[in-house]
């Protein structure tokens, strides 16, 4: 692990989503691999997780999948490394371990949970990586608006709000990742 740049990617397990989201996942994965990042993800064949895994294989990159033991039947078969956990909470912790950035692609409630916990840990100085939500087609506009509302009501300070970035394109996100 020494010397490796590791990127956590949180994403959807659903296949019934806007194809633009999976296209952005492919582009981000290719870009991250070309920047030398080891990809750390949920490691399953399902939805966008499977898209990310396929793209890492296609790029010849390194991919660490973090999978709860109760999900063994959906584990992606060509992971470079598998980290098994007992719970979803352990999975989130292991996905962040050693990463210098975490990116949430458009996803559902699980992705939101991963993103919000990571942002909370960054606020508490328990996660030192950068936090991004790739805002494909405005997917994360409601969350950005909610965080801005929290600032306006005093529920969140501006510094803590600045700990998460919402790049709207893979190119914009890649530029940020290239500086880490």
N, C-alpha and C. Protein backbone atom coordinates (compact mmCIF):
# COMPACT_ATOMS: atom_id res chain seq x y z
N UNK A 1 0.83 -1.19 0.00
CA UNK A 1 0.00 0.00 0.00
C UNK A 1 0.87 1.25 0.00
N UNK A 2 2.06 1.14 0.51
CA UNK A 2 2.96 2.29 0.58
C UNK A 2 3.21 2.88 -0.80
N UNK A 3 3.04 4.18 -0.92
CA UNK A 3 3.30 4.87 -2.17
C UNK A 3 2.15 4.85 -3.15
N UNK A 4 1.14 4.01 -2.92
CA UNK A 4 -0.01 3.96 -3.81
C UNK A 4 -0.98 5.08 -3.50
N UNK A 5 -1.53 5.66 -4.55
CA UNK A 5 -2.64 6.59 -4.38
C UNK A 5 -3.91 5.78 -4.50
N UNK A 6 -4.75 5.86 -3.48
CA UNK A 6 -5.98 5.07 -3.46
C UNK A 6 -7.19 6.00 -3.51
N UNK A 7 -8.16 5.63 -4.34
CA UNK A 7 -9.38 6.41 -4.53
C UNK A 7 -10.58 5.55 -4.21
N UNK A 8 -11.38 5.96 -3.22
CA UNK A 8 -12.63 5.26 -2.93
C UNK A 8 -13.70 5.79 -3.88
N UNK A 9 -14.41 4.86 -4.49
CA UNK A 9 -15.53 5.23 -5.35
C UNK A 9 -16.79 4.60 -4.77
N UNK A 10 -17.73 5.46 -4.38
CA UNK A 10 -19.03 5.03 -3.89
C UNK A 10 -20.00 5.15 -5.06
N UNK A 11 -20.80 4.11 -5.30
CA UNK A 11 -21.69 4.17 -6.47
C UNK A 11 -22.86 3.21 -6.33
N UNK A 12 -23.73 3.27 -7.31
CA UNK A 12 -24.99 2.55 -7.31
C UNK A 12 -24.83 1.05 -7.54
N UNK A 13 -25.70 0.29 -6.90
CA UNK A 13 -25.78 -1.14 -7.18
C UNK A 13 -26.94 -1.43 -8.13
N UNK A 14 -27.64 -0.39 -8.55
CA UNK A 14 -28.79 -0.56 -9.43
C UNK A 14 -28.38 -0.50 -10.91
N UNK A 15 -29.04 -1.30 -11.71
CA UNK A 15 -28.82 -1.26 -13.15
C UNK A 15 -29.88 -0.40 -13.85
N UNK A 16 -30.92 -0.05 -13.15
CA UNK A 16 -32.05 0.69 -13.72
C UNK A 16 -31.83 2.20 -13.54
N UNK A 17 -30.73 2.72 -14.11
CA UNK A 17 -30.41 4.13 -13.92
C UNK A 17 -30.12 4.80 -15.26
N UNK A 18 -30.04 6.11 -15.22
CA UNK A 18 -29.71 6.91 -16.39
C UNK A 18 -28.36 6.44 -16.94
N UNK A 19 -28.25 6.10 -18.22
CA UNK A 19 -26.99 5.62 -18.78
C UNK A 19 -25.85 6.65 -18.68
N UNK A 20 -26.18 7.92 -18.55
CA UNK A 20 -25.14 8.95 -18.38
C UNK A 20 -24.33 8.71 -17.11
N UNK A 21 -24.97 8.16 -16.08
CA UNK A 21 -24.27 7.90 -14.82
C UNK A 21 -23.20 6.83 -15.00
N UNK A 22 -23.54 5.77 -15.71
CA UNK A 22 -22.55 4.71 -15.94
C UNK A 22 -21.47 5.17 -16.91
N UNK A 23 -21.82 6.02 -17.87
CA UNK A 23 -20.81 6.55 -18.78
C UNK A 23 -19.80 7.40 -17.99
N UNK A 24 -20.30 8.21 -17.07
CA UNK A 24 -19.41 9.02 -16.22
C UNK A 24 -18.54 8.11 -15.36
N UNK A 25 -19.09 7.00 -14.88
CA UNK A 25 -18.32 6.04 -14.08
C UNK A 25 -17.17 5.47 -14.91
N UNK A 26 -17.46 5.11 -16.16
CA UNK A 26 -16.41 4.59 -17.04
C UNK A 26 -15.31 5.62 -17.25
N UNK A 27 -15.71 6.85 -17.56
CA UNK A 27 -14.74 7.92 -17.83
C UNK A 27 -13.90 8.22 -16.59
N UNK A 28 -14.54 8.30 -15.44
CA UNK A 28 -13.81 8.57 -14.20
C UNK A 28 -12.83 7.44 -13.91
N UNK A 29 -13.27 6.21 -14.04
CA UNK A 29 -12.40 5.07 -13.75
C UNK A 29 -11.19 5.07 -14.66
N UNK A 30 -11.40 5.30 -15.95
CA UNK A 30 -10.28 5.37 -16.90
C UNK A 30 -9.31 6.48 -16.51
N UNK A 31 -9.86 7.65 -16.19
CA UNK A 31 -9.02 8.79 -15.83
C UNK A 31 -8.24 8.51 -14.55
N UNK A 32 -8.91 7.94 -13.55
CA UNK A 32 -8.24 7.64 -12.27
C UNK A 32 -7.14 6.60 -12.47
N UNK A 33 -7.41 5.59 -13.27
CA UNK A 33 -6.38 4.57 -13.55
C UNK A 33 -5.19 5.21 -14.27
N UNK A 34 -5.46 6.10 -15.21
CA UNK A 34 -4.37 6.75 -15.95
C UNK A 34 -3.54 7.66 -15.04
N UNK A 35 -4.15 8.15 -13.97
CA UNK A 35 -3.42 8.96 -12.99
C UNK A 35 -2.70 8.10 -11.96
N UNK A 36 -2.82 6.78 -12.08
CA UNK A 36 -2.11 5.88 -11.19
C UNK A 36 -2.85 5.52 -9.91
N UNK A 37 -4.13 5.84 -9.85
CA UNK A 37 -4.90 5.51 -8.64
C UNK A 37 -5.25 4.03 -8.59
N UNK A 38 -5.18 3.46 -7.40
CA UNK A 38 -5.77 2.17 -7.10
C UNK A 38 -7.23 2.46 -6.77
N UNK A 39 -8.14 1.77 -7.42
CA UNK A 39 -9.56 1.98 -7.19
C UNK A 39 -10.02 1.08 -6.05
N UNK A 40 -10.73 1.67 -5.10
CA UNK A 40 -11.33 0.93 -3.99
C UNK A 40 -12.84 1.14 -4.12
N UNK A 41 -13.58 0.04 -4.23
CA UNK A 41 -15.03 0.15 -4.38
C UNK A 41 -15.72 -0.96 -3.63
N UNK A 42 -17.04 -0.99 -3.78
CA UNK A 42 -17.84 -2.03 -3.15
C UNK A 42 -17.60 -3.41 -3.71
N UNK A 43 -16.99 -3.50 -4.88
CA UNK A 43 -16.48 -4.76 -5.40
C UNK A 43 -17.47 -5.80 -5.86
N UNK A 44 -18.68 -5.38 -6.22
CA UNK A 44 -19.64 -6.38 -6.69
C UNK A 44 -19.88 -6.23 -8.20
N UNK A 45 -20.61 -7.17 -8.74
CA UNK A 45 -20.96 -7.15 -10.16
C UNK A 45 -22.20 -6.30 -10.42
N UNK A 46 -22.83 -5.80 -9.40
CA UNK A 46 -24.12 -5.13 -9.52
C UNK A 46 -23.99 -3.66 -9.93
N UNK A 47 -24.84 -3.24 -10.85
CA UNK A 47 -25.00 -1.84 -11.21
C UNK A 47 -23.71 -1.14 -11.58
N UNK A 48 -23.57 0.09 -11.11
CA UNK A 48 -22.40 0.89 -11.42
C UNK A 48 -21.14 0.28 -10.81
N UNK A 49 -21.27 -0.45 -9.70
CA UNK A 49 -20.09 -1.13 -9.15
C UNK A 49 -19.49 -2.08 -10.18
N UNK A 50 -20.33 -2.80 -10.89
CA UNK A 50 -19.86 -3.70 -11.93
C UNK A 50 -19.25 -2.95 -13.10
N UNK A 51 -19.83 -1.80 -13.44
CA UNK A 51 -19.29 -0.96 -14.52
C UNK A 51 -17.88 -0.49 -14.16
N UNK A 52 -17.71 -0.01 -12.93
CA UNK A 52 -16.39 0.43 -12.47
C UNK A 52 -15.40 -0.74 -12.52
N UNK A 53 -15.82 -1.89 -12.03
CA UNK A 53 -14.94 -3.06 -12.02
C UNK A 53 -14.53 -3.47 -13.43
N UNK A 54 -15.50 -3.50 -14.34
CA UNK A 54 -15.18 -3.84 -15.73
C UNK A 54 -14.16 -2.86 -16.32
N UNK A 55 -14.33 -1.59 -16.01
CA UNK A 55 -13.45 -0.56 -16.57
C UNK A 55 -12.04 -0.68 -16.00
N UNK A 56 -11.91 -1.00 -14.71
CA UNK A 56 -10.57 -1.19 -14.12
C UNK A 56 -9.86 -2.34 -14.82
N UNK A 57 -10.58 -3.43 -15.07
CA UNK A 57 -10.00 -4.57 -15.78
C UNK A 57 -9.57 -4.14 -17.18
N UNK A 58 -10.44 -3.42 -17.87
CA UNK A 58 -10.15 -2.95 -19.23
C UNK A 58 -8.90 -2.07 -19.26
N UNK A 59 -8.73 -1.25 -18.23
CA UNK A 59 -7.59 -0.33 -18.16
C UNK A 59 -6.32 -1.01 -17.64
N UNK A 60 -6.45 -2.20 -17.12
CA UNK A 60 -5.30 -2.87 -16.54
C UNK A 60 -4.90 -2.30 -15.21
N UNK A 61 -5.86 -1.68 -14.52
CA UNK A 61 -5.58 -1.06 -13.23
C UNK A 61 -5.70 -2.03 -12.07
N UNK A 62 -5.47 -1.51 -10.88
CA UNK A 62 -5.59 -2.30 -9.66
C UNK A 62 -6.90 -1.91 -8.97
N UNK A 63 -7.65 -2.93 -8.53
CA UNK A 63 -8.97 -2.71 -7.96
C UNK A 63 -9.13 -3.51 -6.68
N UNK A 64 -9.37 -2.81 -5.58
CA UNK A 64 -9.64 -3.44 -4.30
C UNK A 64 -11.15 -3.39 -4.06
N UNK A 65 -11.75 -4.55 -3.91
CA UNK A 65 -13.18 -4.62 -3.61
C UNK A 65 -13.38 -4.91 -2.14
N UNK A 66 -14.27 -4.16 -1.52
CA UNK A 66 -14.56 -4.35 -0.09
C UNK A 66 -15.99 -4.86 0.00
N UNK A 67 -16.11 -6.10 0.47
CA UNK A 67 -17.39 -6.79 0.36
C UNK A 67 -17.77 -7.44 1.69
N UNK A 68 -18.98 -7.20 2.16
CA UNK A 68 -19.45 -7.92 3.34
C UNK A 68 -19.62 -9.41 3.01
N UNK A 69 -19.33 -10.25 3.96
CA UNK A 69 -19.39 -11.70 3.73
C UNK A 69 -20.78 -12.17 3.28
N UNK A 70 -21.82 -11.45 3.67
CA UNK A 70 -23.16 -11.87 3.27
C UNK A 70 -23.46 -11.57 1.79
N UNK A 71 -22.50 -10.94 1.09
CA UNK A 71 -22.68 -10.62 -0.32
C UNK A 71 -21.72 -11.41 -1.22
N UNK A 72 -21.21 -12.53 -0.74
CA UNK A 72 -20.19 -13.27 -1.51
C UNK A 72 -20.66 -13.66 -2.90
N UNK A 73 -21.95 -13.93 -3.06
CA UNK A 73 -22.44 -14.39 -4.36
C UNK A 73 -22.42 -13.31 -5.44
N UNK A 74 -22.25 -12.04 -5.06
CA UNK A 74 -22.22 -10.97 -6.06
C UNK A 74 -20.83 -10.33 -6.17
N UNK A 75 -19.83 -10.94 -5.59
CA UNK A 75 -18.46 -10.42 -5.66
C UNK A 75 -17.97 -10.43 -7.11
N UNK A 76 -17.31 -9.36 -7.51
CA UNK A 76 -16.75 -9.28 -8.85
C UNK A 76 -15.59 -10.27 -8.93
N UNK A 77 -15.55 -11.12 -9.97
CA UNK A 77 -14.55 -12.21 -9.99
C UNK A 77 -13.12 -11.80 -10.32
N UNK A 78 -12.89 -10.61 -10.87
CA UNK A 78 -11.54 -10.25 -11.31
C UNK A 78 -10.94 -9.10 -10.50
N UNK A 79 -11.27 -9.02 -9.22
CA UNK A 79 -10.69 -7.99 -8.37
C UNK A 79 -9.22 -8.29 -8.13
N UNK A 80 -8.41 -7.24 -8.02
CA UNK A 80 -6.99 -7.42 -7.69
C UNK A 80 -6.84 -7.91 -6.26
N UNK A 81 -7.74 -7.44 -5.42
CA UNK A 81 -7.71 -7.78 -3.99
C UNK A 81 -9.12 -7.69 -3.45
N UNK A 82 -9.46 -8.57 -2.53
CA UNK A 82 -10.76 -8.53 -1.86
C UNK A 82 -10.52 -8.35 -0.37
N UNK A 83 -11.24 -7.41 0.21
CA UNK A 83 -11.25 -7.23 1.66
C UNK A 83 -12.65 -7.62 2.13
N UNK A 84 -12.73 -8.66 2.93
CA UNK A 84 -14.02 -9.14 3.43
C UNK A 84 -14.33 -8.46 4.76
N UNK A 85 -15.59 -8.07 4.93
CA UNK A 85 -16.02 -7.48 6.20
C UNK A 85 -17.23 -8.24 6.71
N UNK A 86 -17.57 -7.98 7.96
CA UNK A 86 -18.76 -8.61 8.54
C UNK A 86 -19.99 -7.72 8.41
N UNK A 87 -19.80 -6.40 8.40
CA UNK A 87 -20.94 -5.49 8.38
C UNK A 87 -20.76 -4.39 7.33
N UNK A 88 -21.84 -3.71 7.03
CA UNK A 88 -21.78 -2.58 6.11
C UNK A 88 -20.96 -1.43 6.72
N UNK A 89 -21.04 -1.25 8.03
CA UNK A 89 -20.25 -0.20 8.69
C UNK A 89 -18.77 -0.47 8.53
N UNK A 90 -18.36 -1.72 8.73
CA UNK A 90 -16.95 -2.08 8.52
C UNK A 90 -16.56 -1.87 7.06
N UNK A 91 -17.48 -2.15 6.16
CA UNK A 91 -17.20 -1.97 4.73
C UNK A 91 -16.85 -0.52 4.43
N UNK A 92 -17.65 0.42 4.96
CA UNK A 92 -17.38 1.84 4.71
C UNK A 92 -16.02 2.24 5.26
N UNK A 93 -15.72 1.77 6.46
CA UNK A 93 -14.43 2.09 7.09
C UNK A 93 -13.27 1.55 6.25
N UNK A 94 -13.40 0.31 5.79
CA UNK A 94 -12.34 -0.30 4.98
C UNK A 94 -12.21 0.38 3.62
N UNK A 95 -13.33 0.81 3.04
CA UNK A 95 -13.25 1.49 1.75
C UNK A 95 -12.47 2.80 1.85
N UNK A 96 -12.60 3.49 2.96
CA UNK A 96 -11.89 4.77 3.15
C UNK A 96 -10.44 4.58 3.54
N UNK A 97 -10.12 3.46 4.17
CA UNK A 97 -8.78 3.25 4.74
C UNK A 97 -7.69 3.47 3.68
N UNK A 98 -6.78 4.39 3.98
CA UNK A 98 -5.64 4.63 3.12
C UNK A 98 -5.93 5.41 1.84
N UNK A 99 -7.15 5.89 1.67
CA UNK A 99 -7.47 6.65 0.46
C UNK A 99 -7.14 8.13 0.65
N UNK A 100 -6.79 8.77 -0.46
CA UNK A 100 -6.52 10.21 -0.41
C UNK A 100 -7.71 11.00 -0.94
N UNK A 101 -8.73 10.29 -1.45
CA UNK A 101 -9.94 10.95 -1.91
C UNK A 101 -11.06 9.92 -1.96
N UNK A 102 -12.28 10.43 -1.83
CA UNK A 102 -13.48 9.62 -1.97
C UNK A 102 -14.42 10.34 -2.92
N UNK A 103 -14.94 9.59 -3.89
CA UNK A 103 -15.85 10.15 -4.88
C UNK A 103 -17.17 9.39 -4.81
N UNK A 104 -18.26 10.12 -4.68
CA UNK A 104 -19.58 9.52 -4.80
C UNK A 104 -20.09 9.80 -6.20
N UNK A 105 -20.35 8.74 -6.94
CA UNK A 105 -21.03 8.85 -8.22
C UNK A 105 -22.53 8.88 -7.91
N UNK A 106 -23.38 9.21 -8.87
CA UNK A 106 -24.81 9.12 -8.60
C UNK A 106 -25.16 7.73 -8.08
N UNK A 107 -25.91 7.69 -7.02
CA UNK A 107 -26.27 6.42 -6.40
C UNK A 107 -27.46 6.60 -5.49
N UNK A 108 -27.85 5.53 -4.85
CA UNK A 108 -29.02 5.52 -3.99
C UNK A 108 -28.69 5.78 -2.53
N UNK A 109 -29.50 5.22 -1.67
CA UNK A 109 -29.40 5.49 -0.24
C UNK A 109 -28.08 4.98 0.34
N UNK A 110 -27.56 3.86 -0.18
CA UNK A 110 -26.27 3.35 0.30
C UNK A 110 -25.14 4.30 -0.05
N UNK A 111 -25.16 4.82 -1.27
CA UNK A 111 -24.14 5.78 -1.70
C UNK A 111 -24.24 7.06 -0.87
N UNK A 112 -25.46 7.51 -0.62
CA UNK A 112 -25.66 8.70 0.20
C UNK A 112 -25.12 8.48 1.60
N UNK A 113 -25.36 7.31 2.16
CA UNK A 113 -24.84 6.97 3.49
C UNK A 113 -23.32 7.02 3.50
N UNK A 114 -22.68 6.43 2.49
CA UNK A 114 -21.22 6.44 2.40
C UNK A 114 -20.69 7.87 2.29
N UNK A 115 -21.34 8.67 1.46
CA UNK A 115 -20.90 10.05 1.24
C UNK A 115 -21.06 10.90 2.50
N UNK A 116 -22.22 10.84 3.12
CA UNK A 116 -22.48 11.67 4.30
C UNK A 116 -21.58 11.26 5.46
N UNK A 117 -21.38 9.96 5.66
CA UNK A 117 -20.48 9.53 6.74
C UNK A 117 -19.06 10.02 6.47
N UNK A 118 -18.62 9.95 5.23
CA UNK A 118 -17.27 10.39 4.89
C UNK A 118 -17.13 11.89 5.10
N UNK A 119 -18.13 12.65 4.71
CA UNK A 119 -18.12 14.10 4.94
C UNK A 119 -18.11 14.41 6.43
N UNK A 120 -18.90 13.69 7.19
CA UNK A 120 -18.94 13.89 8.65
C UNK A 120 -17.56 13.60 9.25
N UNK A 121 -16.94 12.52 8.82
CA UNK A 121 -15.60 12.19 9.34
C UNK A 121 -14.57 13.25 8.93
N UNK A 122 -14.69 13.79 7.72
CA UNK A 122 -13.80 14.88 7.30
C UNK A 122 -14.00 16.09 8.21
N UNK A 123 -15.25 16.42 8.50
CA UNK A 123 -15.56 17.55 9.39
C UNK A 123 -14.94 17.34 10.77
N UNK A 124 -14.96 16.10 11.24
CA UNK A 124 -14.43 15.77 12.57
C UNK A 124 -12.92 15.48 12.54
N UNK A 125 -12.30 15.68 11.36
CA UNK A 125 -10.88 15.44 11.18
C UNK A 125 -10.51 13.96 11.41
N UNK A 126 -11.44 13.08 11.06
CA UNK A 126 -11.19 11.63 11.15
C UNK A 126 -11.01 11.02 9.77
N UNK A 127 -11.17 11.84 8.72
CA UNK A 127 -10.85 11.44 7.35
C UNK A 127 -10.13 12.61 6.72
N UNK A 128 -8.91 12.36 6.24
CA UNK A 128 -8.08 13.45 5.73
C UNK A 128 -8.12 13.59 4.21
N UNK A 129 -8.82 12.68 3.53
CA UNK A 129 -8.89 12.75 2.08
C UNK A 129 -9.86 13.81 1.59
N UNK A 130 -9.80 14.08 0.30
CA UNK A 130 -10.74 14.99 -0.34
C UNK A 130 -12.06 14.26 -0.54
N UNK A 131 -13.17 15.00 -0.52
CA UNK A 131 -14.50 14.41 -0.70
C UNK A 131 -15.18 15.09 -1.89
N UNK A 132 -15.64 14.26 -2.83
CA UNK A 132 -16.29 14.75 -4.04
C UNK A 132 -17.61 14.01 -4.26
N UNK A 133 -18.57 14.72 -4.83
CA UNK A 133 -19.80 14.12 -5.33
C UNK A 133 -19.89 14.53 -6.79
N UNK A 134 -19.72 13.57 -7.70
CA UNK A 134 -19.75 13.88 -9.13
C UNK A 134 -21.19 14.20 -9.52
N UNK A 135 -21.42 15.45 -9.85
CA UNK A 135 -22.76 15.98 -10.05
C UNK A 135 -23.23 15.84 -11.50
N UNK A 136 -23.28 14.61 -11.98
CA UNK A 136 -23.68 14.31 -13.36
C UNK A 136 -25.13 14.76 -13.59
N UNK A 137 -25.34 15.58 -14.59
CA UNK A 137 -26.69 16.05 -14.94
C UNK A 137 -27.43 16.65 -13.75
N UNK A 138 -26.68 17.26 -12.83
CA UNK A 138 -27.30 17.91 -11.66
C UNK A 138 -27.81 16.95 -10.60
N UNK A 139 -27.36 15.70 -10.64
CA UNK A 139 -27.85 14.69 -9.70
C UNK A 139 -27.74 15.14 -8.24
N UNK A 140 -26.63 15.77 -7.89
CA UNK A 140 -26.40 16.15 -6.49
C UNK A 140 -26.80 17.60 -6.19
N UNK A 141 -27.48 18.28 -7.10
CA UNK A 141 -27.94 19.64 -6.82
C UNK A 141 -28.79 19.71 -5.55
N UNK A 142 -29.73 18.78 -5.33
CA UNK A 142 -30.52 18.86 -4.08
C UNK A 142 -29.66 18.74 -2.83
N UNK A 143 -28.64 17.88 -2.84
CA UNK A 143 -27.77 17.75 -1.67
C UNK A 143 -26.94 19.01 -1.47
N UNK A 144 -26.38 19.55 -2.55
CA UNK A 144 -25.61 20.80 -2.42
C UNK A 144 -26.50 21.91 -1.87
N UNK A 145 -27.73 21.97 -2.35
CA UNK A 145 -28.68 22.97 -1.85
C UNK A 145 -29.00 22.77 -0.38
N UNK A 146 -29.15 21.52 0.04
CA UNK A 146 -29.43 21.23 1.44
C UNK A 146 -28.26 21.66 2.32
N UNK A 147 -27.04 21.36 1.89
CA UNK A 147 -25.87 21.77 2.67
C UNK A 147 -25.77 23.30 2.74
N UNK A 148 -26.06 23.97 1.63
CA UNK A 148 -26.08 25.44 1.65
C UNK A 148 -27.16 25.96 2.60
N UNK A 149 -28.30 25.30 2.62
CA UNK A 149 -29.37 25.67 3.56
C UNK A 149 -28.91 25.47 4.99
N UNK A 150 -28.20 24.37 5.26
CA UNK A 150 -27.66 24.15 6.60
C UNK A 150 -26.74 25.29 7.01
N UNK A 151 -25.92 25.77 6.08
CA UNK A 151 -25.03 26.90 6.37
C UNK A 151 -25.87 28.13 6.69
N UNK A 152 -26.91 28.40 5.89
CA UNK A 152 -27.72 29.61 6.08
C UNK A 152 -28.49 29.60 7.40
N UNK A 153 -28.74 28.40 7.94
CA UNK A 153 -29.46 28.31 9.22
C UNK A 153 -28.52 28.12 10.40
N UNK A 154 -27.23 28.10 10.15
CA UNK A 154 -26.27 27.93 11.23
C UNK A 154 -26.04 26.49 11.64
N UNK A 155 -26.61 25.55 10.92
CA UNK A 155 -26.45 24.13 11.26
C UNK A 155 -25.12 23.55 10.77
N UNK A 156 -24.47 24.26 9.86
CA UNK A 156 -23.20 23.81 9.31
C UNK A 156 -22.35 25.06 9.07
N UNK A 157 -21.10 25.01 9.49
CA UNK A 157 -20.23 26.16 9.25
C UNK A 157 -19.69 26.11 7.82
N UNK A 158 -19.29 27.26 7.32
CA UNK A 158 -18.84 27.35 5.93
C UNK A 158 -17.60 26.51 5.66
N UNK A 159 -16.69 26.42 6.62
CA UNK A 159 -15.50 25.59 6.42
C UNK A 159 -15.91 24.14 6.20
N UNK A 160 -16.81 23.63 7.03
CA UNK A 160 -17.25 22.24 6.88
C UNK A 160 -17.96 22.04 5.54
N UNK A 161 -18.72 23.03 5.10
CA UNK A 161 -19.39 22.94 3.80
C UNK A 161 -18.36 22.86 2.67
N UNK A 162 -17.23 23.51 2.86
CA UNK A 162 -16.20 23.53 1.81
C UNK A 162 -15.44 22.20 1.71
N UNK A 163 -15.68 21.28 2.62
CA UNK A 163 -14.97 20.01 2.61
C UNK A 163 -15.48 19.06 1.53
N UNK A 164 -16.60 19.38 0.90
CA UNK A 164 -17.12 18.56 -0.19
C UNK A 164 -17.24 19.42 -1.44
N UNK A 165 -16.77 18.86 -2.55
CA UNK A 165 -16.86 19.55 -3.84
C UNK A 165 -17.83 18.79 -4.73
N UNK A 166 -18.52 19.52 -5.59
CA UNK A 166 -19.51 18.95 -6.49
C UNK A 166 -19.14 19.22 -7.94
N UNK A 167 -18.06 18.63 -8.45
CA UNK A 167 -17.71 18.85 -9.86
C UNK A 167 -18.83 18.31 -10.76
N UNK A 168 -19.11 19.04 -11.82
CA UNK A 168 -20.22 18.63 -12.69
C UNK A 168 -19.77 17.77 -13.86
N UNK A 169 -18.46 17.69 -14.09
CA UNK A 169 -17.97 16.86 -15.19
C UNK A 169 -16.80 16.00 -14.71
N UNK A 170 -16.57 14.91 -15.43
CA UNK A 170 -15.42 14.06 -15.12
C UNK A 170 -14.13 14.83 -15.34
N UNK A 171 -14.09 15.68 -16.35
CA UNK A 171 -12.88 16.47 -16.62
C UNK A 171 -12.55 17.36 -15.42
N UNK A 172 -13.55 18.02 -14.88
CA UNK A 172 -13.35 18.89 -13.71
C UNK A 172 -12.86 18.07 -12.51
N UNK A 173 -13.46 16.91 -12.30
CA UNK A 173 -13.05 16.05 -11.19
C UNK A 173 -11.63 15.53 -11.41
N UNK A 174 -11.33 15.13 -12.63
CA UNK A 174 -10.00 14.61 -12.95
C UNK A 174 -8.92 15.66 -12.70
N UNK A 175 -9.22 16.91 -13.03
CA UNK A 175 -8.26 17.99 -12.74
C UNK A 175 -7.98 18.07 -11.25
N UNK A 176 -9.01 17.95 -10.44
CA UNK A 176 -8.81 17.98 -8.99
C UNK A 176 -8.02 16.76 -8.52
N UNK A 177 -8.34 15.58 -9.04
CA UNK A 177 -7.63 14.36 -8.64
C UNK A 177 -6.17 14.39 -9.05
N UNK A 178 -5.88 15.06 -10.15
CA UNK A 178 -4.48 15.12 -10.62
C UNK A 178 -3.59 15.97 -9.71
N UNK A 179 -4.21 16.77 -8.86
CA UNK A 179 -3.45 17.65 -7.95
C UNK A 179 -3.25 17.05 -6.57
N UNK A 180 -3.78 15.85 -6.36
CA UNK A 180 -3.69 15.22 -5.03
C UNK A 180 -2.41 14.38 -4.98
